Amino acid sequence: MSSEDYEDIWDIVKKSVQISRQEFDELVEKIYSKARNFLTKRAAAMIVARNLGVDTSQIAYTPIVGRLLEVGPVKKSKSASGETPYVLFTVVNEEERIPCVAFGEHHVSLLRQSEDKVLMIRKYTKAKLRKYTLVKVTENSIIEILDDSKLPPITDLKPAWADSLKFMKENRGAWLVKVLVIDESTTEYFACPICGKSMELQDSEWVCPEHGDVEPEVEKVWRYVVSDRSGTFPAVYFKDPPEPSLLDRLVVLKGYFRDDELYISKIYWVSEKEAITFGE
């Protein structure tokens, strides 16, 4: 969003104050003309909004628009008032990857149902950590789901892509990557019927790490060996693949590493033919 763009400010003003767009633009131009050496049009619009009695705290930072690349497991922060659920998540657009954290049941529920969707985040703050800055979405922040046409598909967003499997392994978080599947097999596991995560046997009871003691379901897990120019790695996929077999096929996937194993979270594309054939 440029320094001259203030559409988001107008959207907030028109919901709070009885004023026409022409009147608002005239007020912005009046403020801007008085101090153009120190103001952008956006800053002038913020001053007008403030003078009209609109809460400008939600527009201090430019709204973030991006596709939801990943959402981490639900965790809880404890305070004197009780426990608040929160998740780490990442959005990506045509320019950057943006690490975020969201607090509150509403935001957590929305994010966990919105993979790859276009989001607009407003009224957020920022927390500077040692290695990067984290966007902090509080219970007072606003997350909106926008029309899918607002951004290109996630596979067309360069910051979502890893250069290689080795790069993925060395950099935390979920990435898109193109690989060749050189081996595949299947096994079964006990899964949580709510979230699908693998369950653990504790004191003769099957326990989900997120939902606790629930009756497990038997699910199939696909195990692959994937390769690119940087190396060969084991991979695991807990969903049904788009094709009965991915062996010797090129695949575009999203995933993340746990130690030396790649956890595949989504498969976007599979080549129509085997990339490697023998006897030709």
Protein backbone atom coordinates (compact mmCIF):
# COMPACT_ATOMS: atom_id res chain seq x y z
CA MET A 1 0.00 0.00 0.00
CA SER A 2 1.50 3.36 -1.07
CA SER A 3 1.84 6.47 1.05
CA GLU A 4 -0.88 8.07 -1.11
CA ASP A 5 -3.40 5.26 -0.64
CA TYR A 6 -5.95 5.62 2.16
CA GLU A 7 -8.83 3.41 1.00
CA ASP A 8 -8.68 1.36 4.22
CA ILE A 9 -8.97 4.54 6.29
CA TRP A 10 -11.99 5.64 4.28
CA ASP A 11 -13.58 2.21 4.78
CA ILE A 12 -13.33 2.66 8.56
CA VAL A 13 -14.49 6.30 8.51
CA LYS A 14 -17.60 5.65 6.41
CA LYS A 15 -18.72 2.96 8.85
CA SER A 16 -18.37 5.34 11.80
CA VAL A 17 -19.30 8.82 10.53
CA GLN A 18 -21.99 10.27 8.27
CA ILE A 19 -19.79 11.86 5.62
CA SER A 20 -19.57 11.56 1.84
CA ARG A 21 -16.44 10.43 0.04
CA GLN A 22 -16.17 13.84 -1.63
CA GLU A 23 -16.32 15.63 1.73
CA PHE A 24 -13.71 13.30 3.19
CA ASP A 25 -11.35 13.77 0.24
CA GLU A 26 -11.73 17.55 0.49
CA LEU A 27 -10.80 17.50 4.17
CA VAL A 28 -7.78 15.29 3.40
CA GLU A 29 -6.63 17.66 0.67
CA LYS A 30 -7.06 20.66 2.99
CA ILE A 31 -4.85 19.11 5.70
CA TYR A 32 -2.32 17.87 3.14
CA SER A 33 -1.99 21.28 1.46
CA LYS A 34 -1.12 22.92 4.78
CA ALA A 35 1.82 20.66 5.57
CA ARG A 36 2.73 18.79 2.39
CA ASN A 37 6.44 18.86 3.31
CA PHE A 38 5.70 16.77 6.39
CA LEU A 39 2.68 14.68 5.40
CA THR A 40 1.65 12.04 2.93
CA LYS A 41 -1.95 11.82 1.74
CA ARG A 42 -2.34 8.76 3.98
CA ALA A 43 -1.09 10.67 7.03
CA ALA A 44 -3.49 13.51 6.23
CA ALA A 45 -6.36 11.01 6.04
CA MET A 46 -5.40 9.66 9.46
CA ILE A 47 -5.53 13.17 10.91
CA VAL A 48 -8.96 13.76 9.35
CA ALA A 49 -10.21 10.44 10.72
CA ARG A 50 -8.89 11.31 14.18
CA ASN A 51 -10.57 14.74 14.08
CA LEU A 52 -13.84 13.05 13.12
CA GLY A 53 -13.66 10.95 16.28
CA VAL A 54 -12.64 7.68 14.61
CA ASP A 55 -10.38 5.31 16.54
CA THR A 56 -7.12 5.62 14.60
CA SER A 57 -5.30 2.97 16.62
CA GLN A 58 -6.48 0.35 14.14
CA ILE A 59 -4.83 2.17 11.23
CA ALA A 60 -1.49 3.01 12.80
CA TYR A 61 0.00 0.15 10.83
CA THR A 62 -0.85 -0.42 7.18
CA PRO A 63 -3.21 -3.42 6.85
CA ILE A 64 -1.46 -6.66 6.02
CA VAL A 65 -2.84 -8.61 3.07
CA GLY A 66 -1.51 -12.09 2.40
CA ARG A 67 -2.36 -15.74 1.93
CA LEU A 68 -2.31 -17.95 4.99
CA LEU A 69 0.68 -20.22 4.45
CA GLU A 70 0.69 -22.13 7.73
CA VAL A 71 -0.87 -22.34 11.18
CA GLY A 72 0.89 -23.96 14.13
CA PRO A 73 -0.65 -26.05 16.91
CA VAL A 74 -2.91 -24.38 19.44
CA LYS A 75 -1.12 -23.35 22.62
CA LYS A 76 -2.32 -21.50 25.72
CA SER A 77 -0.91 -18.51 27.55
CA LYS A 78 -1.65 -18.30 31.25
CA SER A 79 -2.39 -15.15 33.24
CA ALA A 80 -4.23 -14.11 36.37
CA SER A 81 -7.45 -13.88 34.35
CA GLY A 82 -7.15 -17.43 32.99
CA GLU A 83 -5.89 -19.16 29.85
CA THR A 84 -5.97 -17.70 26.34
CA PRO A 85 -5.48 -19.90 23.26
CA TYR A 86 -2.98 -18.72 20.66
CA VAL A 87 -1.31 -19.92 17.45
CA LEU A 88 1.75 -18.96 15.47
CA PHE A 89 1.01 -18.49 11.78
CA THR A 90 2.58 -17.14 8.61
CA VAL A 91 1.07 -15.13 5.78
CA VAL A 92 2.75 -14.57 2.45
CA ASN A 93 2.20 -12.14 -0.41
CA GLU A 94 4.07 -11.12 -3.55
CA GLU A 95 6.79 -9.36 -1.56
CA GLU A 96 7.41 -11.12 1.75
CA ARG A 97 6.70 -13.79 4.36
CA ILE A 98 5.20 -12.35 7.54
CA PRO A 99 5.45 -14.31 10.82
CA CYS A 100 2.51 -13.68 13.15
CA VAL A 101 0.93 -14.78 16.41
CA ALA A 102 -2.83 -14.62 17.09
CA PHE A 103 -4.55 -14.70 20.48
CA GLY A 104 -8.16 -15.54 21.27
CA GLU A 105 -10.60 -18.31 20.45
CA HIS A 106 -12.19 -16.43 17.54
CA HIS A 107 -8.90 -15.79 15.72
CA VAL A 108 -7.58 -19.29 16.40
CA SER A 109 -10.76 -20.90 15.03
CA LEU A 110 -10.80 -18.67 11.95
CA LEU A 111 -7.15 -19.30 11.10
CA ARG A 112 -7.39 -23.07 11.48
CA GLN A 113 -10.12 -23.12 8.82
CA SER A 114 -8.47 -20.73 6.35
CA GLU A 115 -5.42 -22.44 4.82
CA ASP A 116 -4.21 -20.64 1.66
CA LYS A 117 -7.03 -18.06 1.87
CA VAL A 118 -6.43 -14.34 1.41
CA LEU A 119 -6.49 -12.50 4.74
CA MET A 120 -6.45 -8.85 5.74
CA ILE A 121 -5.09 -8.14 9.22
CA ARG A 122 -5.82 -4.79 10.88
CA LYS A 123 -5.40 -3.20 14.29
CA TYR A 124 -2.32 -5.28 15.09
CA THR A 125 0.91 -4.47 16.91
CA LYS A 126 4.47 -5.66 16.42
CA ALA A 127 6.86 -7.43 18.76
CA LYS A 128 10.58 -7.28 17.98
CA LEU A 129 12.32 -10.56 18.74
CA ARG A 130 16.01 -11.31 18.57
CA LYS A 131 16.04 -12.53 14.96
CA TYR A 132 12.85 -11.13 13.46
CA THR A 133 9.75 -9.00 14.04
CA LEU A 134 6.50 -10.77 14.88
CA VAL A 135 3.08 -9.36 14.00
CA LYS A 136 0.92 -9.63 17.12
CA VAL A 137 -2.81 -10.18 16.56
CA THR A 138 -4.62 -9.54 19.84
CA GLU A 139 -8.24 -10.23 20.69
CA ASN A 140 -8.96 -6.62 19.67
CA SER A 141 -7.35 -7.04 16.25
CA ILE A 142 -9.35 -7.70 13.09
CA ILE A 143 -8.82 -10.56 10.63
CA GLU A 144 -10.95 -10.58 7.48
CA ILE A 145 -11.10 -13.15 4.70
CA LEU A 146 -10.93 -11.38 1.34
CA ASP A 147 -12.00 -12.49 -2.11
CA ASP A 148 -9.58 -15.01 -3.58
CA SER A 149 -8.92 -12.74 -6.56
CA LYS A 150 -7.11 -10.21 -4.34
CA LEU A 151 -3.84 -12.16 -4.67
CA PRO A 152 -2.40 -14.70 -7.12
CA PRO A 153 -2.54 -18.40 -6.13
CA ILE A 154 -0.10 -19.33 -3.38
CA THR A 155 1.96 -21.33 -5.90
CA ASP A 156 2.60 -18.04 -7.76
CA LEU A 157 3.88 -16.19 -4.68
CA LYS A 158 7.69 -16.32 -4.77
CA PRO A 159 8.28 -15.79 -1.01
CA ALA A 160 6.33 -19.00 -0.32
CA TRP A 161 8.91 -21.11 -2.20
CA ALA A 162 12.03 -22.78 -0.90
CA ASP A 163 15.06 -22.94 -3.19
CA SER A 164 15.56 -26.59 -2.33
CA LEU A 165 14.84 -29.33 0.20
CA LYS A 166 18.10 -28.50 1.96
CA PHE A 167 16.96 -24.89 2.28
CA MET A 168 13.65 -26.06 3.79
CA LYS A 169 15.49 -28.19 6.33
CA GLU A 170 17.68 -25.27 7.38
CA ASN A 171 14.87 -22.70 7.62
CA ARG A 172 11.96 -23.07 10.01
CA GLY A 173 8.35 -23.03 8.90
CA ALA A 174 6.33 -24.28 5.95
CA TRP A 175 7.53 -23.85 2.37
CA LEU A 176 6.53 -24.84 -1.15
CA VAL A 177 8.98 -26.96 -3.09
CA LYS A 178 9.12 -29.10 -6.25
CA VAL A 179 10.50 -32.61 -5.75
CA LEU A 180 10.83 -36.02 -7.38
CA VAL A 181 9.31 -38.97 -5.50
CA ILE A 182 11.75 -41.89 -5.71
CA ASP A 183 10.13 -44.32 -3.25
CA GLU A 184 6.75 -44.79 -1.56
CA SER A 185 5.06 -47.08 0.94
CA THR A 186 2.08 -47.03 3.31
CA THR A 187 1.51 -47.88 6.96
CA GLU A 188 -1.39 -47.45 9.38
CA TYR A 189 -1.61 -45.37 12.55
CA PHE A 190 -4.09 -44.38 15.24
CA ALA A 191 -5.43 -40.90 14.54
CA CYS A 192 -7.47 -38.37 16.48
CA PRO A 193 -10.99 -38.25 14.96
CA ILE A 194 -11.09 -34.48 15.55
CA CYS A 195 -7.82 -33.19 14.14
CA GLY A 196 -6.29 -36.25 12.44
CA LYS A 197 -3.04 -36.05 14.39
CA SER A 198 -1.20 -39.20 15.41
CA MET A 199 -2.14 -40.39 18.90
CA GLU A 200 0.19 -41.68 21.59
CA LEU A 201 -0.34 -44.58 23.98
CA GLN A 202 -0.14 -43.33 27.59
CA ASP A 203 -1.01 -45.60 30.53
CA SER A 204 -3.00 -47.95 28.28
CA GLU A 205 -5.00 -45.02 26.83
CA TRP A 206 -4.72 -43.43 23.40
CA VAL A 207 -4.15 -39.68 23.81
CA CYS A 208 -4.20 -36.89 21.22
CA PRO A 209 -1.57 -34.18 21.92
CA GLU A 210 -4.23 -31.53 21.31
CA HIS A 211 -7.59 -33.08 22.29
CA GLY A 212 -6.57 -35.51 25.01
CA ASP A 213 -8.32 -38.82 25.67
CA VAL A 214 -10.50 -39.59 22.61
CA GLU A 215 -11.42 -42.78 20.76
CA PRO A 216 -8.84 -43.25 17.98
CA GLU A 217 -9.49 -44.03 14.34
CA VAL A 218 -7.24 -46.15 12.14
CA GLU A 219 -5.81 -44.10 9.26
CA LYS A 220 -3.29 -44.69 6.50
CA VAL A 221 -0.03 -42.77 6.35
CA TRP A 222 1.98 -42.44 3.15
CA ARG A 223 5.75 -42.54 3.44
CA TYR A 224 7.92 -41.25 0.61
CA VAL A 225 11.51 -40.62 -0.25
CA VAL A 226 11.78 -37.30 -2.10
CA SER A 227 14.70 -35.80 -3.94
CA ASP A 228 15.97 -32.67 -5.64
CA ARG A 229 19.40 -31.30 -6.54
CA SER A 230 20.21 -30.63 -2.86
CA GLY A 231 19.64 -34.13 -1.50
CA THR A 232 17.30 -37.01 -0.68
CA PHE A 233 14.99 -37.00 2.35
CA PRO A 234 12.26 -39.15 3.93
CA ALA A 235 8.79 -37.62 3.87
CA VAL A 236 5.42 -38.43 5.42
CA TYR A 237 1.86 -37.50 4.36
CA PHE A 238 -1.19 -38.08 6.56
CA LYS A 239 -3.82 -37.43 3.89
CA ASP A 240 -4.88 -39.28 0.73
CA PRO A 241 -2.62 -38.27 -2.18
CA PRO A 242 -4.24 -36.89 -5.34
CA GLU A 243 -3.01 -39.91 -7.34
CA PRO A 244 -2.90 -43.61 -6.37
CA SER A 245 0.87 -43.54 -6.80
CA LEU A 246 3.37 -40.69 -6.84
CA LEU A 247 6.36 -42.90 -7.59
CA ASP A 248 8.76 -41.35 -10.11
CA ARG A 249 6.49 -38.32 -10.44
CA LEU A 250 7.32 -34.65 -10.00
CA VAL A 251 5.30 -33.07 -7.20
CA VAL A 252 4.71 -29.52 -5.96
CA LEU A 253 4.01 -29.67 -2.25
CA LYS A 254 3.91 -27.64 0.93
CA GLY A 255 5.65 -28.97 4.00
CA TYR A 256 8.06 -28.46 6.85
CA PHE A 257 10.90 -30.41 8.45
CA ARG A 258 11.00 -32.09 11.82
CA ASP A 259 14.62 -33.07 12.28
CA ASP A 260 15.52 -34.97 9.09
CA GLU A 261 11.96 -35.85 8.00
CA LEU A 262 9.73 -33.77 5.75
CA TYR A 263 6.11 -33.49 6.86
CA ILE A 264 3.92 -32.82 3.83
CA SER A 265 0.90 -30.68 4.63
CA LYS A 266 -0.53 -30.23 1.12
CA ILE A 267 0.07 -31.43 -2.44
CA TYR A 268 -0.73 -28.92 -5.18
CA TRP A 269 0.40 -30.57 -8.40
CA VAL A 270 1.55 -33.96 -9.72
CA SER A 271 3.13 -34.45 -13.14
CA GLU A 272 0.97 -36.40 -15.58
CA LYS A 273 3.77 -38.79 -16.52
CA GLU A 274 6.63 -40.41 -14.68
CA ALA A 275 9.67 -38.18 -14.74
CA ILE A 276 11.92 -41.24 -14.98
CA THR A 277 11.14 -44.20 -17.20
CA PHE A 278 13.28 -47.22 -18.04
CA GLY A 279 13.76 -49.04 -21.29
CA GLU A 280 13.49 -45.96 -23.52
